[in-house]
Structure formats: structure tokens, C-alpha cells
Amino acid sequence: MQNRSSLLFVVILFSLLAGALYWITIEEETQQAPETWSAFVYAHGYNSGRYKKTDDFEDYQSCKAFATEQAKELGDVLWECGLRCRFDNSRQGFQCETMQNQE
């Protein structure tokens, strides 16, 4: 009987923990961050992982203007602008809601 109550306690404890983690995840996803754009200029190639990142542009057009100017200064390298970018520890890099590179 004592094993059943111990097992029930552990199951309830893990269920509460799982519920709390789920609730925290949902809360983070539903929070709306302000619309900010980040410019990524790939001076060493797109797949190198070395890029120049500049944040806090209010719209895509201002991000694009900055990125194209920086790209031309570095020899017409690749660039992208990302919306609501954040650092993802699991991937060890920045993840954005959307990435654009429209001329």
C-alpha cells in the first residue's frame, strides 16, 4: 500500500511539473513582442556562421537600406533582414519569425 501511495505522489508531482512547463511555454508564445527587424550581413559567406548583426530597425525598409549599404561596403556580400529575432540556445544561433532579402 505504501508503494502505491509513493508511486501516486511521484506521478502527481511529475504531472504538475509537466503542466507548469507547458503553461510557461504557452505564455512565452502568446506574448507579442514589438515588431523589430535585425540586419544580418554575411561578410564571410552565408554558411560561415560569421555575420554582422544590427538590431532595432522599426520596419523592413530601414533594415534593408542599412543591410544593402553594409553589404556594398564589404564587397556586395549577402544580407538578410529578420523579424523578431532571438537567440536560440539549443541551436546556438539566432532564430527569427521571418527572414527576407528582397531587392
PDB file of N, CA and C in Angstrom:
ATOM      1  N   MET A   1       0.820  -1.196   0.000  1.00  0.00           N
ATOM      2  CA  MET A   1       0.000   0.000   0.000  1.00  0.00           C
ATOM      3  C   MET A   1       0.865   1.261   0.000  1.00  0.00           C
ATOM      4  N   GLN A   2       1.994   1.184   0.722  1.00  0.00           N
ATOM      5  CA  GLN A   2       2.862   2.352   0.782  1.00  0.00           C
ATOM      6  C   GLN A   2       3.519   2.613  -0.578  1.00  0.00           C
ATOM      7  N   ASN A   3       3.807   1.555  -1.331  1.00  0.00           N
ATOM      8  CA  ASN A   3       4.380   1.716  -2.670  1.00  0.00           C
ATOM      9  C   ASN A   3       3.411   2.426  -3.601  1.00  0.00           C
ATOM     10  N   ARG A   4       2.127   2.094  -3.493  1.00  0.00           N
ATOM     11  CA  ARG A   4       1.130   2.734  -4.341  1.00  0.00           C
ATOM     12  C   ARG A   4       1.017   4.216  -4.033  1.00  0.00           C
ATOM     13  N   SER A   5       1.023   4.567  -2.768  1.00  0.00           N
ATOM     14  CA  SER A   5       0.915   5.987  -2.420  1.00  0.00           C
ATOM     15  C   SER A   5       2.169   6.747  -2.829  1.00  0.00           C
ATOM     16  N   SER A   6       3.332   6.127  -2.717  1.00  0.00           N
ATOM     17  CA  SER A   6       4.569   6.769  -3.164  1.00  0.00           C
ATOM     18  C   SER A   6       4.558   6.948  -4.674  1.00  0.00           C
ATOM     19  N   LEU A   7       4.112   5.921  -5.392  1.00  0.00           N
ATOM     20  CA  LEU A   7       4.028   5.996  -6.841  1.00  0.00           C
ATOM     21  C   LEU A   7       3.012   7.057  -7.274  1.00  0.00           C
ATOM     22  N   LEU A   8       1.883   7.111  -6.604  1.00  0.00           N
ATOM     23  CA  LEU A   8       0.869   8.112  -6.907  1.00  0.00           C
ATOM     24  C   LEU A   8       1.414   9.519  -6.666  1.00  0.00           C
ATOM     25  N   PHE A   9       2.154   9.707  -5.585  1.00  0.00           N
ATOM     26  CA  PHE A   9       2.747  11.002  -5.280  1.00  0.00           C
ATOM     27  C   PHE A   9       3.722  11.422  -6.375  1.00  0.00           C
ATOM     28  N   VAL A  10       4.571  10.506  -6.830  1.00  0.00           N
ATOM     29  CA  VAL A  10       5.547  10.803  -7.878  1.00  0.00           C
ATOM     30  C   VAL A  10       4.840  11.134  -9.187  1.00  0.00           C
ATOM     31  N   VAL A  11       3.802  10.398  -9.535  1.00  0.00           N
ATOM     32  CA  VAL A  11       3.054  10.647 -10.769  1.00  0.00           C
ATOM     33  C   VAL A  11       2.402  12.025 -10.711  1.00  0.00           C
ATOM     34  N   ILE A  12       1.802  12.359  -9.597  1.00  0.00           N
ATOM     35  CA  ILE A  12       1.166  13.672  -9.443  1.00  0.00           C
ATOM     36  C   ILE A  12       2.216  14.782  -9.513  1.00  0.00           C
ATOM     37  N   LEU A  13       3.349  14.576  -8.871  1.00  0.00           N
ATOM     38  CA  LEU A  13       4.413  15.570  -8.878  1.00  0.00           C
ATOM     39  C   LEU A  13       4.916  15.826 -10.296  1.00  0.00           C
ATOM     40  N   PHE A  14       5.180  14.768 -11.064  1.00  0.00           N
ATOM     41  CA  PHE A  14       5.636  14.935 -12.440  1.00  0.00           C
ATOM     42  C   PHE A  14       4.551  15.537 -13.328  1.00  0.00           C
ATOM     43  N   SER A  15       3.293  15.208 -13.065  1.00  0.00           N
ATOM     44  CA  SER A  15       2.199  15.797 -13.836  1.00  0.00           C
ATOM     45  C   SER A  15       2.118  17.300 -13.592  1.00  0.00           C
ATOM     46  N   LEU A  16       2.276  17.707 -12.352  1.00  0.00           N
ATOM     47  CA  LEU A  16       2.262  19.131 -12.033  1.00  0.00           C
ATOM     48  C   LEU A  16       3.449  19.849 -12.681  1.00  0.00           C
ATOM     49  N   LEU A  17       4.604  19.225 -12.654  1.00  0.00           N
ATOM     50  CA  LEU A  17       5.780  19.803 -13.278  1.00  0.00           C
ATOM     51  C   LEU A  17       5.584  19.943 -14.790  1.00  0.00           C
ATOM     52  N   ALA A  18       5.070  18.921 -15.417  1.00  0.00           N
ATOM     53  CA  ALA A  18       4.818  18.971 -16.860  1.00  0.00           C
ATOM     54  C   ALA A  18       3.782  20.044 -17.191  1.00  0.00           C
ATOM     55  N   GLY A  19       2.745  20.153 -16.386  1.00  0.00           N
ATOM     56  CA  GLY A  19       1.734  21.180 -16.597  1.00  0.00           C
ATOM     57  C   GLY A  19       2.307  22.581 -16.455  1.00  0.00           C
ATOM     58  N   ALA A  20       3.173  22.777 -15.466  1.00  0.00           N
ATOM     59  CA  ALA A  20       3.796  24.087 -15.269  1.00  0.00           C
ATOM     60  C   ALA A  20       4.692  24.447 -16.448  1.00  0.00           C
ATOM     61  N   LEU A  21       5.476  23.500 -16.932  1.00  0.00           N
ATOM     62  CA  LEU A  21       6.334  23.764 -18.085  1.00  0.00           C
ATOM     63  C   LEU A  21       5.516  24.075 -19.336  1.00  0.00           C
ATOM     64  N   TYR A  22       4.442  23.356 -19.527  1.00  0.00           N
ATOM     65  CA  TYR A  22       3.567  23.606 -20.669  1.00  0.00           C
ATOM     66  C   TYR A  22       2.961  24.999 -20.577  1.00  0.00           C
ATOM     67  N   TRP A  23       2.494  25.385 -19.407  1.00  0.00           N
ATOM     68  CA  TRP A  23       1.882  26.693 -19.203  1.00  0.00           C
ATOM     69  C   TRP A  23       2.896  27.805 -19.462  1.00  0.00           C
ATOM     70  N   ILE A  24       4.123  27.644 -18.986  1.00  0.00           N
ATOM     71  CA  ILE A  24       5.164  28.644 -19.210  1.00  0.00           C
ATOM     72  C   ILE A  24       5.468  28.777 -20.699  1.00  0.00           C
ATOM     73  N   THR A  25       5.539  27.672 -21.401  1.00  0.00           N
ATOM     74  CA  THR A  25       5.809  27.697 -22.839  1.00  0.00           C
ATOM     75  C   THR A  25       4.705  28.411 -23.590  1.00  0.00           C
ATOM     76  N   ILE A  26       3.467  28.132 -23.257  1.00  0.00           N
ATOM     77  CA  ILE A  26       2.330  28.777 -23.912  1.00  0.00           C
ATOM     78  C   ILE A  26       2.349  30.276 -23.625  1.00  0.00           C
ATOM     79  N   GLU A  27       2.661  30.682 -22.410  1.00  0.00           N
ATOM     80  CA  GLU A  27       2.727  32.093 -22.053  1.00  0.00           C
ATOM     81  C   GLU A  27       3.775  32.822 -22.883  1.00  0.00           C
ATOM     82  N   GLU A  28       4.939  32.206 -23.072  1.00  0.00           N
ATOM     83  CA  GLU A  28       6.005  32.832 -23.850  1.00  0.00           C
ATOM     84  C   GLU A  28       5.599  32.994 -25.303  1.00  0.00           C
ATOM     85  N   GLU A  29       4.893  32.022 -25.844  1.00  0.00           N
ATOM     86  CA  GLU A  29       4.494  32.078 -27.249  1.00  0.00           C
ATOM     87  C   GLU A  29       3.400  33.097 -27.484  1.00  0.00           C
ATOM     88  N   THR A  30       2.531  33.325 -26.511  1.00  0.00           N
ATOM     89  CA  THR A  30       1.426  34.248 -26.710  1.00  0.00           C
ATOM     90  C   THR A  30       1.812  35.697 -26.461  1.00  0.00           C
ATOM     91  N   GLN A  31       2.925  35.938 -25.797  1.00  0.00           N
ATOM     92  CA  GLN A  31       3.363  37.313 -25.597  1.00  0.00           C
ATOM     93  C   GLN A  31       3.803  37.883 -26.926  1.00  0.00           C
ATOM     94  N   GLN A  32       3.269  39.024 -27.267  1.00  0.00           N
ATOM     95  CA  GLN A  32       3.622  39.658 -28.535  1.00  0.00           C
ATOM     96  C   GLN A  32       4.752  40.649 -28.311  1.00  0.00           C
ATOM     97  N   ALA A  33       5.864  40.381 -28.934  1.00  0.00           N
ATOM     98  CA  ALA A  33       7.000  41.290 -28.874  1.00  0.00           C
ATOM     99  C   ALA A  33       6.771  42.396 -29.897  1.00  0.00           C
ATOM    100  N   PRO A  34       7.348  43.564 -29.658  1.00  0.00           N
ATOM    101  CA  PRO A  34       7.196  44.628 -30.651  1.00  0.00           C
ATOM    102  C   PRO A  34       7.852  44.223 -31.973  1.00  0.00           C
ATOM    103  N   GLU A  35       7.370  44.789 -33.051  1.00  0.00           N
ATOM    104  CA  GLU A  35       7.907  44.444 -34.366  1.00  0.00           C
ATOM    105  C   GLU A  35       9.239  45.153 -34.560  1.00  0.00           C
ATOM    106  N   THR A  36      10.308  44.417 -34.391  1.00  0.00           N
ATOM    107  CA  THR A  36      11.640  44.956 -34.643  1.00  0.00           C
ATOM    108  C   THR A  36      12.338  44.061 -35.655  1.00  0.00           C
ATOM    109  N   TRP A  37      13.146  44.680 -36.474  1.00  0.00           N
ATOM    110  CA  TRP A  37      13.878  43.974 -37.514  1.00  0.00           C
ATOM    111  C   TRP A  37      15.366  43.982 -37.184  1.00  0.00           C
ATOM    112  N   SER A  38      16.063  42.943 -37.604  1.00  0.00           N
ATOM    113  CA  SER A  38      17.504  42.835 -37.427  1.00  0.00           C
ATOM    114  C   SER A  38      18.146  42.590 -38.791  1.00  0.00           C
ATOM    115  N   ALA A  39      19.268  43.266 -39.019  1.00  0.00           N
ATOM    116  CA  ALA A  39      20.000  43.107 -40.277  1.00  0.00           C
ATOM    117  C   ALA A  39      21.146  42.119 -40.065  1.00  0.00           C
ATOM    118  N   PHE A  40      21.264  41.154 -40.960  1.00  0.00           N
ATOM    119  CA  PHE A  40      22.343  40.181 -40.957  1.00  0.00           C
ATOM    120  C   PHE A  40      23.143  40.371 -42.246  1.00  0.00           C
ATOM    121  N   VAL A  41      24.412  40.701 -42.120  1.00  0.00           N
ATOM    122  CA  VAL A  41      25.288  40.880 -43.277  1.00  0.00           C
ATOM    123  C   VAL A  41      26.364  39.799 -43.196  1.00  0.00           C
ATOM    124  N   TYR A  42      26.403  38.937 -44.203  1.00  0.00           N
ATOM    125  CA  TYR A  42      27.280  37.764 -44.206  1.00  0.00           C
ATOM    126  C   TYR A  42      28.583  38.084 -44.946  1.00  0.00           C
ATOM    127  N   ALA A  43      29.531  38.670 -44.242  1.00  0.00           N
ATOM    128  CA  ALA A  43      30.790  39.100 -44.851  1.00  0.00           C
ATOM    129  C   ALA A  43      31.685  37.922 -45.243  1.00  0.00           C
ATOM    130  N   HIS A  44      31.513  36.774 -44.607  1.00  0.00           N
ATOM    131  CA  HIS A  44      32.356  35.608 -44.870  1.00  0.00           C
ATOM    132  C   HIS A  44      31.581  34.473 -45.520  1.00  0.00           C
ATOM    133  N   GLY A  45      30.484  34.794 -46.170  1.00  0.00           N
ATOM    134  CA  GLY A  45      29.658  33.774 -46.808  1.00  0.00           C
ATOM    135  C   GLY A  45      28.474  33.398 -45.941  1.00  0.00           C
ATOM    136  N   TYR A  46      27.429  32.971 -46.599  1.00  0.00           N
ATOM    137  CA  TYR A  46      26.167  32.681 -45.913  1.00  0.00           C
ATOM    138  C   TYR A  46      26.293  31.547 -44.898  1.00  0.00           C
ATOM    139  N   ASN A  47      27.025  30.510 -45.209  1.00  0.00           N
ATOM    140  CA  ASN A  47      27.118  29.338 -44.340  1.00  0.00           C
ATOM    141  C   ASN A  47      28.279  29.379 -43.352  1.00  0.00           C
ATOM    142  N   SER A  48      28.982  30.496 -43.262  1.00  0.00           N
ATOM    143  CA  SER A  48      30.159  30.541 -42.400  1.00  0.00           C
ATOM    144  C   SER A  48      29.794  30.671 -40.920  1.00  0.00           C
ATOM    145  N   GLY A  49      28.641  31.200 -40.616  1.00  0.00           N
ATOM    146  CA  GLY A  49      28.278  31.434 -39.218  1.00  0.00           C
ATOM    147  C   GLY A  49      28.849  32.730 -38.681  1.00  0.00           C
ATOM    148  N   ARG A  50      29.651  33.403 -39.474  1.00  0.00           N
ATOM    149  CA  ARG A  50      30.215  34.691 -39.080  1.00  0.00           C
ATOM    150  C   ARG A  50      29.478  35.775 -39.847  1.00  0.00           C
ATOM    151  N   TYR A  51      28.773  36.612 -39.133  1.00  0.00           N
ATOM    152  CA  TYR A  51      27.983  37.664 -39.750  1.00  0.00           C
ATOM    153  C   TYR A  51      27.957  38.874 -38.836  1.00  0.00           C
ATOM    154  N   LYS A  52      27.609  39.988 -39.417  1.00  0.00           N
ATOM    155  CA  LYS A  52      27.438  41.221 -38.654  1.00  0.00           C
ATOM    156  C   LYS A  52      25.944  41.426 -38.454  1.00  0.00           C
ATOM    157  N   LYS A  53      25.518  41.511 -37.198  1.00  0.00           N
ATOM    158  CA  LYS A  53      24.098  41.651 -36.877  1.00  0.00           C
ATOM    159  C   LYS A  53      23.863  43.002 -36.233  1.00  0.00           C
ATOM    160  N   THR A  54      22.881  43.722 -36.740  1.00  0.00           N
ATOM    161  CA  THR A  54      22.492  45.014 -36.188  1.00  0.00           C
ATOM    162  C   THR A  54      20.995  44.969 -35.923  1.00  0.00           C
ATOM    163  N   ASP A  55      20.589  45.413 -34.734  1.00  0.00           N
ATOM    164  CA  ASP A  55      19.197  45.268 -34.286  1.00  0.00           C
ATOM    165  C   ASP A  55      18.430  46.591 -34.263  1.00  0.00           C
ATOM    166  N   ASP A  56      17.135  46.428 -33.958  1.00  0.00           N
ATOM    167  CA  ASP A  56      16.207  47.512 -33.612  1.00  0.00           C
ATOM    168  C   ASP A  56      15.843  48.439 -34.762  1.00  0.00           C
ATOM    169  N   PHE A  57      15.589  47.876 -35.923  1.00  0.00           N
ATOM    170  CA  PHE A  57      15.028  48.657 -37.017  1.00  0.00           C
ATOM    171  C   PHE A  57      13.505  48.594 -36.890  1.00  0.00           C
ATOM    172  N   GLU A  58      12.848  49.707 -37.154  1.00  0.00           N
ATOM    173  CA  GLU A  58      11.395  49.778 -36.963  1.00  0.00           C
ATOM    174  C   GLU A  58      10.600  49.128 -38.082  1.00  0.00           C
ATOM    175  N   ASP A  59      11.180  49.063 -39.279  1.00  0.00           N
ATOM    176  CA  ASP A  59      10.464  48.448 -40.391  1.00  0.00           C
ATOM    177  C   ASP A  59      11.462  47.784 -41.344  1.00  0.00           C
ATOM    178  N   TYR A  60      10.924  47.010 -42.270  1.00  0.00           N
ATOM    179  CA  TYR A  60      11.763  46.264 -43.203  1.00  0.00           C
ATOM    180  C   TYR A  60      12.574  47.205 -44.097  1.00  0.00           C
ATOM    181  N   GLN A  61      11.965  48.294 -44.513  1.00  0.00           N
ATOM    182  CA  GLN A  61      12.650  49.203 -45.436  1.00  0.00           C
ATOM    183  C   GLN A  61      13.914  49.805 -44.825  1.00  0.00           C
ATOM    184  N   SER A  62      13.855  50.202 -43.566  1.00  0.00           N
ATOM    185  CA  SER A  62      15.051  50.771 -42.931  1.00  0.00           C
ATOM    186  C   SER A  62      16.112  49.697 -42.706  1.00  0.00           C
ATOM    187  N   CYS A  63      15.691  48.482 -42.382  1.00  0.00           N
ATOM    188  CA  CYS A  63      16.620  47.368 -42.225  1.00  0.00           C
ATOM    189  C   CYS A  63      17.296  47.069 -43.559  1.00  0.00           C
ATOM    190  N   LYS A  64      16.509  47.025 -44.614  1.00  0.00           N
ATOM    191  CA  LYS A  64      17.027  46.731 -45.949  1.00  0.00           C
ATOM    192  C   LYS A  64      18.024  47.797 -46.394  1.00  0.00           C
ATOM    193  N   ALA A  65      17.702  49.063 -46.150  1.00  0.00           N
ATOM    194  CA  ALA A  65      18.598  50.148 -46.548  1.00  0.00           C
ATOM    195  C   ALA A  65      19.945  50.020 -45.847  1.00  0.00           C
ATOM    196  N   PHE A  66      19.917  49.736 -44.552  1.00  0.00           N
ATOM    197  CA  PHE A  66      21.158  49.580 -43.800  1.00  0.00           C
ATOM    198  C   PHE A  66      21.939  48.359 -44.289  1.00  0.00           C
ATOM    199  N   ALA A  67      21.241  47.237 -44.452  1.00  0.00           N
ATOM    200  CA  ALA A  67      21.904  45.992 -44.846  1.00  0.00           C
ATOM    201  C   ALA A  67      22.525  46.094 -46.233  1.00  0.00           C
ATOM    202  N   THR A  68      21.824  46.692 -47.185  1.00  0.00           N
ATOM    203  CA  THR A  68      22.385  46.816 -48.533  1.00  0.00           C
ATOM    204  C   THR A  68      23.599  47.745 -48.542  1.00  0.00           C
ATOM    205  N   GLU A  69      23.561  48.809 -47.746  1.00  0.00           N
ATOM    206  CA  GLU A  69      24.715  49.706 -47.652  1.00  0.00           C
ATOM    207  C   GLU A  69      25.926  48.981 -47.066  1.00  0.00           C
ATOM    208  N   GLN A  70      25.707  48.222 -45.989  1.00  0.00           N
ATOM    209  CA  GLN A  70      26.799  47.466 -45.377  1.00  0.00           C
ATOM    210  C   GLN A  70      27.328  46.392 -46.327  1.00  0.00           C
ATOM    211  N   ALA A  71      26.419  45.735 -47.041  1.00  0.00           N
ATOM    212  CA  ALA A  71      26.825  44.683 -47.970  1.00  0.00           C
ATOM    213  C   ALA A  71      27.682  45.247 -49.099  1.00  0.00           C
ATOM    214  N   LYS A  72      27.335  46.429 -49.599  1.00  0.00           N
ATOM    215  CA  LYS A  72      28.127  47.055 -50.664  1.00  0.00           C
ATOM    216  C   LYS A  72      29.501  47.440 -50.156  1.00  0.00           C
ATOM    217  N   GLU A  73      29.588  47.946 -48.921  1.00  0.00           N
ATOM    218  CA  GLU A  73      30.876  48.323 -48.339  1.00  0.00           C
ATOM    219  C   GLU A  73      31.806  47.115 -48.194  1.00  0.00           C
ATOM    220  N   LEU A  74      31.218  45.938 -47.978  1.00  0.00           N
ATOM    221  CA  LEU A  74      32.006  44.722 -47.783  1.00  0.00           C
ATOM    222  C   LEU A  74      32.202  43.931 -49.082  1.00  0.00           C
ATOM    223  N   GLY A  75      31.854  44.527 -50.203  1.00  0.00           N
ATOM    224  CA  GLY A  75      32.092  43.869 -51.493  1.00  0.00           C
ATOM    225  C   GLY A  75      30.893  43.123 -52.027  1.00  0.00           C
ATOM    226  N   ASP A  76      29.712  43.675 -51.879  1.00  0.00           N
ATOM    227  CA  ASP A  76      28.466  43.063 -52.364  1.00  0.00           C
ATOM    228  C   ASP A  76      28.251  41.657 -51.817  1.00  0.00           C
ATOM    229  N   VAL A  77      28.343  41.538 -50.505  1.00  0.00           N
ATOM    230  CA  VAL A  77      28.110  40.249 -49.853  1.00  0.00           C
ATOM    231  C   VAL A  77      26.613  40.045 -49.626  1.00  0.00           C
ATOM    232  N   LEU A  78      26.256  38.857 -49.199  1.00  0.00           N
ATOM    233  CA  LEU A  78      24.851  38.524 -48.946  1.00  0.00           C
ATOM    234  C   LEU A  78      24.351  39.209 -47.683  1.00  0.00           C
ATOM    235  N   TRP A  79      23.041  39.449 -47.643  1.00  0.00           N
ATOM    236  CA  TRP A  79      22.416  40.045 -46.472  1.00  0.00           C
ATOM    237  C   TRP A  79      20.985  39.539 -46.350  1.00  0.00           C
ATOM    238  N   GLU A  80      20.435  39.658 -45.147  1.00  0.00           N
ATOM    239  CA  GLU A  80      19.031  39.332 -44.877  1.00  0.00           C
ATOM    240  C   GLU A  80      18.541  40.223 -43.750  1.00  0.00           C
ATOM    241  N   CYS A  81      17.248  40.419 -43.684  1.00  0.00           N
ATOM    242  CA  CYS A  81      16.625  41.106 -42.564  1.00  0.00           C
ATOM    243  C   CYS A  81      15.650  40.130 -41.898  1.00  0.00           C
ATOM    244  N   GLY A  82      15.698  40.068 -40.567  1.00  0.00           N
ATOM    245  CA  GLY A  82      14.849  39.150 -39.828  1.00  0.00           C
ATOM    246  C   GLY A  82      13.908  39.885 -38.893  1.00  0.00           C
ATOM    247  N   LEU A  83      12.696  39.368 -38.781  1.00  0.00           N
ATOM    248  CA  LEU A  83      11.677  39.957 -37.917  1.00  0.00           C
ATOM    249  C   LEU A  83      11.641  39.230 -36.575  1.00  0.00           C
ATOM    250  N   ARG A  84      11.681  39.981 -35.480  1.00  0.00           N
ATOM    251  CA  ARG A  84      11.611  39.459 -34.101  1.00  0.00           C
ATOM    252  C   ARG A  84      12.607  38.314 -33.882  1.00  0.00           C
ATOM    253  N   CYS A  85      13.875  38.614 -33.992  1.00  0.00           N
ATOM    254  CA  CYS A  85      14.928  37.611 -33.824  1.00  0.00           C
ATOM    255  C   CYS A  85      15.296  37.452 -32.352  1.00  0.00           C
ATOM    256  N   ARG A  86      15.611  36.237 -31.990  1.00  0.00           N
ATOM    257  CA  ARG A  86      16.062  35.953 -30.623  1.00  0.00           C
ATOM    258  C   ARG A  86      17.094  34.836 -30.699  1.00  0.00           C
ATOM    259  N   PHE A  87      17.932  34.784 -29.676  1.00  0.00           N
ATOM    260  CA  PHE A  87      18.970  33.759 -29.655  1.00  0.00           C
ATOM    261  C   PHE A  87      18.374  32.457 -29.152  1.00  0.00           C
ATOM    262  N   ASP A  88      18.612  31.371 -29.869  1.00  0.00           N
ATOM    263  CA  ASP A  88      18.118  30.044 -29.508  1.00  0.00           C
ATOM    264  C   ASP A  88      19.297  29.224 -28.996  1.00  0.00           C
ATOM    265  N   ASN A  89      19.300  28.936 -27.688  1.00  0.00           N
ATOM    266  CA  ASN A  89      20.404  28.185 -27.083  1.00  0.00           C
ATOM    267  C   ASN A  89      20.548  26.789 -27.658  1.00  0.00           C
ATOM    268  N   SER A  90      19.442  26.144 -27.969  1.00  0.00           N
ATOM    269  CA  SER A  90      19.523  24.769 -28.458  1.00  0.00           C
ATOM    270  C   SER A  90      20.175  24.696 -29.840  1.00  0.00           C
ATOM    271  N   ARG A  91      20.015  25.719 -30.639  1.00  0.00           N
ATOM    272  CA  ARG A  91      20.610  25.740 -31.984  1.00  0.00           C
ATOM    273  C   ARG A  91      21.878  26.582 -32.042  1.00  0.00           C
ATOM    274  N   GLN A  92      22.187  27.266 -30.954  1.00  0.00           N
ATOM    275  CA  GLN A  92      23.369  28.128 -30.875  1.00  0.00           C
ATOM    276  C   GLN A  92      23.403  29.152 -32.003  1.00  0.00           C
ATOM    277  N   GLY A  93      22.283  29.809 -32.191  1.00  0.00           N
ATOM    278  CA  GLY A  93      22.211  30.844 -33.210  1.00  0.00           C
ATOM    279  C   GLY A  93      20.918  31.616 -33.101  1.00  0.00           C
ATOM    280  N   PHE A  94      20.774  32.629 -33.918  1.00  0.00           N
ATOM    281  CA  PHE A  94      19.574  33.451 -33.900  1.00  0.00           C
ATOM    282  C   PHE A  94      18.480  32.815 -34.738  1.00  0.00           C
ATOM    283  N   GLN A  95      17.269  32.880 -34.226  1.00  0.00           N
ATOM    284  CA  GLN A  95      16.095  32.403 -34.931  1.00  0.00           C
ATOM    285  C   GLN A  95      15.134  33.579 -35.057  1.00  0.00           C
ATOM    286  N   CYS A  96      14.580  33.768 -36.223  1.00  0.00           N
ATOM    287  CA  CYS A  96      13.680  34.879 -36.479  1.00  0.00           C
ATOM    288  C   CYS A  96      12.339  34.335 -36.944  1.00  0.00           C
ATOM    289  N   GLU A  97      11.277  35.118 -36.704  1.00  0.00           N
ATOM    290  CA  GLU A  97       9.952  34.707 -37.184  1.00  0.00           C
ATOM    291  C   GLU A  97       9.946  34.607 -38.700  1.00  0.00           C
ATOM    292  N   THR A  98      10.581  35.569 -39.342  1.00  0.00           N
ATOM    293  CA  THR A  98      10.657  35.556 -40.797  1.00  0.00           C
ATOM    294  C   THR A  98      11.969  36.211 -41.229  1.00  0.00           C
ATOM    295  N   MET A  99      12.499  35.762 -42.342  1.00  0.00           N
ATOM    296  CA  MET A  99      13.718  36.338 -42.916  1.00  0.00           C
ATOM    297  C   MET A  99      13.396  36.785 -44.338  1.00  0.00           C
ATOM    298  N   GLN A 100      13.858  37.983 -44.696  1.00  0.00           N
ATOM    299  CA  GLN A 100      13.594  38.495 -46.035  1.00  0.00           C
ATOM    300  C   GLN A 100      14.862  39.082 -46.641  1.00  0.00           C
ATOM    301  N   ASN A 101      14.951  38.925 -47.952  1.00  0.00           N
ATOM    302  CA  ASN A 101      16.026  39.521 -48.732  1.00  0.00           C
ATOM    303  C   ASN A 101      15.443  39.829 -50.097  1.00  0.00           C
ATOM    304  N   GLN A 102      14.669  40.900 -50.166  1.00  0.00           N
ATOM    305  CA  GLN A 102      14.013  41.261 -51.416  1.00  0.00           C
ATOM    306  C   GLN A 102      14.631  42.534 -51.947  1.00  0.00           C
ATOM    307  N   GLU A 103      15.072  42.471 -53.165  1.00  0.00           N
ATOM    308  CA  GLU A 103      15.701  43.641 -53.801  1.00  0.00           C
ATOM    309  C   GLU A 103      14.672  44.653 -54.192  1.00  0.00           C
TER     310      GLU A 103
END
